[in-house]
Protein backbone atom coordinates (compact mmCIF):
# COMPACT_ATOMS: atom_id res chain seq x y z
CA MET A 1 -44.66 102.15 -6.49
CA LYS A 2 -47.03 100.47 -9.08
CA LEU A 3 -50.61 100.99 -8.39
CA ALA A 4 -53.13 98.50 -9.53
CA MET A 5 -54.85 98.32 -12.73
CA ARG A 6 -58.76 99.40 -12.20
CA ILE A 7 -60.48 97.47 -15.27
CA ARG A 8 -63.96 98.49 -16.89
CA TYR A 9 -66.03 96.35 -18.97
CA ALA A 10 -68.81 97.02 -21.52
CA ALA A 11 -70.42 94.36 -23.62
CA LYS A 12 -73.49 94.52 -25.46
CA THR A 13 -74.45 91.07 -28.39
CA ASP A 14 -76.70 92.34 -31.02
CA PRO A 15 -78.45 89.82 -33.69
CA GLY A 16 -77.47 91.65 -36.65
CA LEU A 17 -80.21 92.10 -39.38
CA LYS A 18 -80.27 89.36 -41.38
CA ARG A 19 -80.41 86.69 -38.99
CA SER A 20 -83.82 85.98 -36.83
CA HIS A 21 -82.18 84.41 -33.77
CA ASN A 22 -78.57 85.09 -32.21
CA GLU A 23 -75.97 82.36 -32.02
CA ASP A 24 -73.31 84.61 -30.23
CA PHE A 25 -72.56 85.04 -26.88
CA PHE A 26 -70.71 86.75 -24.25
CA SER A 27 -69.43 85.99 -20.60
CA LEU A 28 -67.23 86.65 -17.78
CA VAL A 29 -65.18 85.24 -14.45
CA GLU A 30 -65.00 87.83 -12.44
CA GLU A 31 -62.51 86.36 -9.38
CA GLU A 32 -60.45 85.48 -12.40
CA GLN A 33 -60.58 88.96 -14.78
CA VAL A 34 -61.61 86.46 -17.37
CA PHE A 35 -63.76 87.50 -20.23
CA LEU A 36 -65.32 86.03 -23.78
CA VAL A 37 -66.91 85.75 -26.60
CA ALA A 38 -68.54 82.97 -28.61
CA ASP A 39 -69.51 82.55 -31.92
CA GLY A 40 -71.53 79.24 -32.65
CA MET A 41 -72.44 77.93 -36.10
CA GLY A 42 -74.68 74.93 -36.24
CA GLY A 43 -78.51 74.35 -37.96
CA HIS A 44 -81.49 74.56 -36.02
CA ALA A 45 -80.52 76.34 -32.97
CA CYS A 46 -76.98 74.11 -32.01
CA GLY A 47 -74.85 77.21 -32.40
CA GLU A 48 -76.31 79.12 -30.12
CA VAL A 49 -76.02 75.64 -27.87
CA ALA A 50 -72.29 75.28 -28.55
CA SER A 51 -71.28 78.69 -27.99
CA LYS A 52 -73.30 79.20 -24.66
CA MET A 53 -71.96 75.52 -23.57
CA ALA A 54 -67.98 76.59 -23.73
CA ALA A 55 -68.62 80.12 -21.82
CA ASP A 56 -70.60 77.37 -19.49
CA VAL A 57 -67.86 74.75 -18.64
CA ILE A 58 -64.94 77.70 -19.47
CA LYS A 59 -66.78 79.32 -16.00
CA GLU A 60 -66.61 76.05 -14.54
CA PHE A 61 -63.63 75.17 -15.03
CA PHE A 62 -61.86 78.47 -13.50
CA ASP A 63 -64.94 77.72 -10.66
CA HIS A 64 -63.29 74.44 -9.84
CA THR A 65 -59.83 75.03 -10.26
CA ARG A 66 -59.17 77.71 -8.52
CA ASP A 67 -57.40 76.24 -6.03
CA GLU A 68 -55.05 73.37 -7.58
CA ASP A 69 -51.76 73.96 -9.30
CA ASN A 70 -52.34 71.31 -12.30
CA THR A 71 -54.33 70.98 -15.53
CA TRP A 72 -55.65 67.61 -15.71
CA PRO A 73 -56.35 66.08 -17.60
CA PHE A 74 -53.91 67.44 -19.92
CA LYS A 75 -50.47 67.53 -20.43
CA MET A 76 -48.48 70.99 -19.45
CA ASP A 77 -47.07 72.43 -22.58
CA LYS A 78 -43.80 73.32 -21.46
CA THR A 79 -43.56 76.41 -23.95
CA LEU A 80 -46.29 78.03 -22.16
CA SER A 81 -46.23 79.24 -19.06
CA PHE A 82 -48.90 78.17 -16.39
CA LEU A 83 -51.83 80.87 -16.16
CA GLU A 84 -51.72 80.55 -19.93
CA ASN A 85 -51.70 77.15 -19.72
CA ARG A 86 -54.90 76.84 -18.03
CA LEU A 87 -56.45 79.30 -20.70
CA ALA A 88 -55.59 76.87 -23.30
CA VAL A 89 -56.82 73.78 -21.16
CA ALA A 90 -60.03 75.62 -20.26
CA VAL A 91 -60.67 76.05 -23.62
CA LYS A 92 -59.99 72.14 -24.24
CA THR A 93 -61.98 71.07 -21.69
CA ALA A 94 -65.08 72.98 -23.67
CA ASN A 95 -64.03 71.90 -26.89
CA GLN A 96 -64.54 67.94 -25.32
CA ARG A 97 -67.99 68.77 -24.25
CA ILE A 98 -69.22 70.13 -27.32
CA PHE A 99 -67.73 67.52 -29.44
CA SER A 100 -69.47 64.86 -27.45
CA SER A 101 -72.44 66.25 -26.41
CA ALA A 102 -72.99 66.17 -30.49
CA ALA A 103 -71.70 62.59 -30.67
CA LYS A 104 -74.02 61.77 -28.27
CA ASP A 105 -77.46 63.56 -29.45
CA SER A 106 -78.09 63.89 -32.98
CA LYS A 107 -79.86 67.02 -33.16
CA LEU A 108 -76.69 68.62 -32.37
CA LYS A 109 -74.48 67.32 -34.89
CA GLY A 110 -72.43 69.82 -36.71
CA MET A 111 -72.49 72.18 -33.52
CA GLY A 112 -69.27 74.31 -32.86
CA THR A 113 -68.05 77.30 -32.10
CA THR A 114 -65.48 80.21 -32.35
CA LEU A 115 -63.86 81.09 -28.60
CA VAL A 116 -61.79 84.57 -28.19
CA MET A 117 -60.98 84.60 -24.50
CA GLY A 118 -58.64 87.28 -22.52
CA GLN A 119 -57.82 87.59 -19.01
CA ILE A 120 -55.94 90.55 -17.44
CA THR A 121 -52.70 89.57 -14.39
CA GLY A 122 -50.94 92.51 -13.28
CA ASP A 123 -49.69 94.26 -16.67
CA LYS A 124 -50.52 91.69 -18.81
CA PHE A 125 -53.02 90.65 -20.59
CA TYR A 126 -53.42 87.35 -22.19
CA VAL A 127 -55.59 86.54 -24.98
CA ALA A 128 -56.00 82.85 -26.16
CA HIS A 129 -58.28 81.99 -29.20
CA VAL A 130 -59.67 79.44 -31.75
CA GLY A 131 -61.48 80.11 -35.07
CA ASP A 132 -62.02 83.63 -36.33
CA SER A 133 -63.20 85.34 -33.38
CA ARG A 134 -60.75 88.38 -32.69
CA CYS A 135 -59.11 90.65 -30.33
CA TYR A 136 -57.79 93.93 -31.02
CA ARG A 137 -56.33 96.35 -29.09
CA ILE A 138 -56.29 100.36 -29.42
CA ARG A 139 -53.16 102.48 -27.79
CA GLY A 140 -53.87 106.20 -28.35
CA ASN A 141 -54.28 106.33 -32.40
CA ASP A 142 -52.96 102.51 -32.70
CA VAL A 143 -55.16 99.81 -32.84
CA SER A 144 -53.34 96.09 -33.25
CA GLN A 145 -55.17 93.02 -34.15
CA LEU A 146 -53.71 90.73 -31.51
CA THR A 147 -55.14 87.49 -32.86
CA ARG A 148 -54.33 85.56 -36.31
CA ASP A 149 -57.79 84.36 -37.44
CA HIS A 150 -57.62 79.91 -38.22
CA SER A 151 -59.07 80.29 -42.17
CA LEU A 152 -58.55 79.71 -45.21
CA LEU A 153 -58.11 82.56 -46.24
CA GLU A 154 -55.49 83.26 -43.51
CA ASP A 155 -53.71 79.79 -44.78
CA TYR A 156 -53.56 81.52 -48.74
CA LYS A 157 -52.04 84.73 -47.32
CA ASP A 158 -49.26 82.32 -45.72
CA ALA A 159 -48.68 81.02 -48.96
CA ARG A 160 -49.40 84.35 -50.90
CA PRO A 161 -47.87 86.30 -48.98
CA ASP A 162 -47.53 89.21 -52.02
CA MET A 163 -52.01 88.65 -51.77
CA THR A 164 -53.05 92.47 -52.60
CA ASP A 165 -56.10 93.88 -51.09
CA GLU A 166 -58.57 93.75 -53.58
CA GLU A 167 -57.57 89.68 -54.39
CA GLU A 168 -58.01 89.07 -50.91
CA LYS A 169 -61.76 91.10 -50.60
CA ARG A 170 -62.05 88.99 -53.82
CA PHE A 171 -61.47 85.81 -52.07
CA PRO A 172 -64.20 82.70 -52.59
CA HIS A 173 -63.54 80.70 -49.28
CA LYS A 174 -62.85 84.15 -47.04
CA ASN A 175 -65.52 83.09 -44.55
CA VAL A 176 -64.37 79.26 -44.00
CA ILE A 177 -62.68 78.28 -40.63
CA THR A 178 -59.92 75.95 -40.58
CA ARG A 179 -60.72 75.72 -36.63
CA ALA A 180 -63.29 75.39 -33.83
CA LEU A 181 -64.56 74.19 -30.92
CA GLY A 182 -66.45 71.31 -32.02
CA MET A 183 -64.81 70.15 -35.11
CA LYS A 184 -62.56 67.90 -33.63
CA GLU A 185 -62.26 65.92 -30.40
CA ASN A 186 -58.58 67.51 -29.88
CA VAL A 187 -57.74 71.26 -30.70
CA GLN A 188 -55.24 73.36 -30.47
CA VAL A 189 -55.36 76.66 -29.00
CA ASP A 190 -53.46 79.84 -29.70
CA VAL A 191 -52.44 81.36 -26.46
CA ARG A 192 -49.86 85.40 -26.19
CA ALA A 193 -49.61 87.17 -24.30
CA ASP A 194 -48.67 91.25 -24.11
CA ASP A 195 -47.62 94.63 -22.08
CA VAL A 196 -51.07 96.40 -20.72
CA VAL A 197 -50.74 100.30 -20.40
CA ASP A 198 -52.80 103.09 -18.64
CA GLY A 199 -55.15 103.86 -20.85
CA ASP A 200 -55.36 100.64 -23.02
CA VAL A 201 -58.64 99.44 -24.12
CA PHE A 202 -59.31 95.34 -25.51
CA LEU A 203 -61.81 94.61 -28.02
CA LEU A 204 -63.24 90.72 -28.27
CA CYS A 205 -65.53 90.33 -30.50
CA SER A 206 -67.14 87.98 -33.23
CA ASP A 207 -66.82 88.47 -37.23
CA GLY A 208 -70.21 90.44 -37.12
CA LEU A 209 -68.40 93.11 -36.32
CA SER A 210 -64.43 92.82 -37.65
CA GLY A 211 -65.46 91.64 -41.26
CA MET A 212 -67.90 94.00 -41.36
CA ILE A 213 -66.20 97.47 -40.50
CA SER A 214 -62.17 98.32 -40.40
CA LYS A 215 -60.04 98.38 -37.40
CA GLU A 216 -59.32 101.92 -38.48
CA LEU A 217 -63.61 102.40 -37.93
CA MET A 218 -63.17 100.64 -34.33
CA GLY A 219 -60.97 102.47 -33.34
CA GLU A 220 -62.66 106.08 -34.15
CA THR A 221 -65.57 105.09 -32.99
CA ILE A 222 -64.31 104.28 -29.03
CA ARG A 223 -61.75 107.10 -29.30
CA LYS A 224 -65.19 109.63 -29.89
CA ALA A 225 -66.90 107.54 -27.17
CA ALA A 226 -68.45 109.49 -24.06
CA ASP A 227 -68.06 106.44 -22.50
CA LEU A 228 -67.03 102.63 -22.64
CA GLU A 229 -71.02 101.51 -22.71
CA ALA A 230 -71.53 104.36 -25.57
CA ALA A 231 -68.54 102.58 -27.48
CA VAL A 232 -70.04 99.38 -27.60
CA ALA A 233 -73.45 100.43 -28.69
CA GLY A 234 -72.04 102.71 -30.92
CA LEU A 235 -69.59 99.86 -32.57
CA ILE A 236 -72.36 97.46 -33.01
CA ASP A 237 -74.50 101.08 -34.71
CA GLU A 238 -71.40 100.65 -37.48
CA ALA A 239 -71.91 97.14 -38.19
CA ASN A 240 -75.63 97.36 -38.77
CA LYS A 241 -74.76 100.35 -41.11
CA ALA A 242 -72.61 97.66 -42.66
CA GLY A 243 -75.34 95.73 -43.80
CA GLY A 244 -75.17 93.37 -40.28
CA THR A 245 -75.33 90.76 -42.16
CA ASP A 246 -74.31 87.89 -39.59
CA ASN A 247 -74.72 88.36 -35.21
CA ILE A 248 -71.94 91.29 -33.62
CA THR A 249 -70.65 90.96 -29.64
CA VAL A 250 -68.56 93.27 -28.73
CA LEU A 251 -67.17 93.31 -25.14
CA ALA A 252 -64.49 95.89 -24.72
CA LEU A 253 -61.87 96.29 -21.77
CA GLU A 254 -60.35 99.60 -20.46
CA CYS A 255 -57.42 99.29 -18.32
CA ARG A 256 -56.34 102.30 -16.38
CA ARG A 257 -54.36 102.85 -12.90
CA ASN A 258 -56.03 103.56 -10.08
């Protein structure tokens, strides 16, 4: 008989060293073991409105649909499980709210947010994302990126599979994203599922972390930390040591058998 998975988490957000305010936001829906990080964009503080709105709408969605078995008002995607559909619909609902709010209020025009969201159910970890906020899995000495950025750089790499690391560093539009909540009335959400084993750590983060330090340094920082809270604080310190050019948000989940 398998023992239930025990989940510990720690999270922290930091404005970084170059930004005057923080447009990132993290949140959780404890009853559903749903965790998310959103990285807002848009001038005049619109980004922080969008990232918080995404988190609030998603929590509201899960609270209101806990006992339902449909994905209204969106059609069920038959290639996904019901749980995966529910994650995708939560994100699509947030997208519509952000898009319509920006359309109604000129002060919010252009606001949007990237988002990465994880849910642990049984021995599975489900991740849904839009944009370049990322999810990593640290398993022993291995660090795997579970999400693919929706960005011009990734599209270019698909077209040029022989692109060198040096060419990637020099790519002039590496920070341009091709998908985010609020950009259009409808959004495509990428969803995937992975097995969870004892000791796995899942890391949700904004690009203020992933754009500043390597995944190898992420794994090293987590492994040498005394606990999860120290690991999260250490990751933010490393991003700031590397320049801290953006807001930095980290949410870490540790999975253990009871």
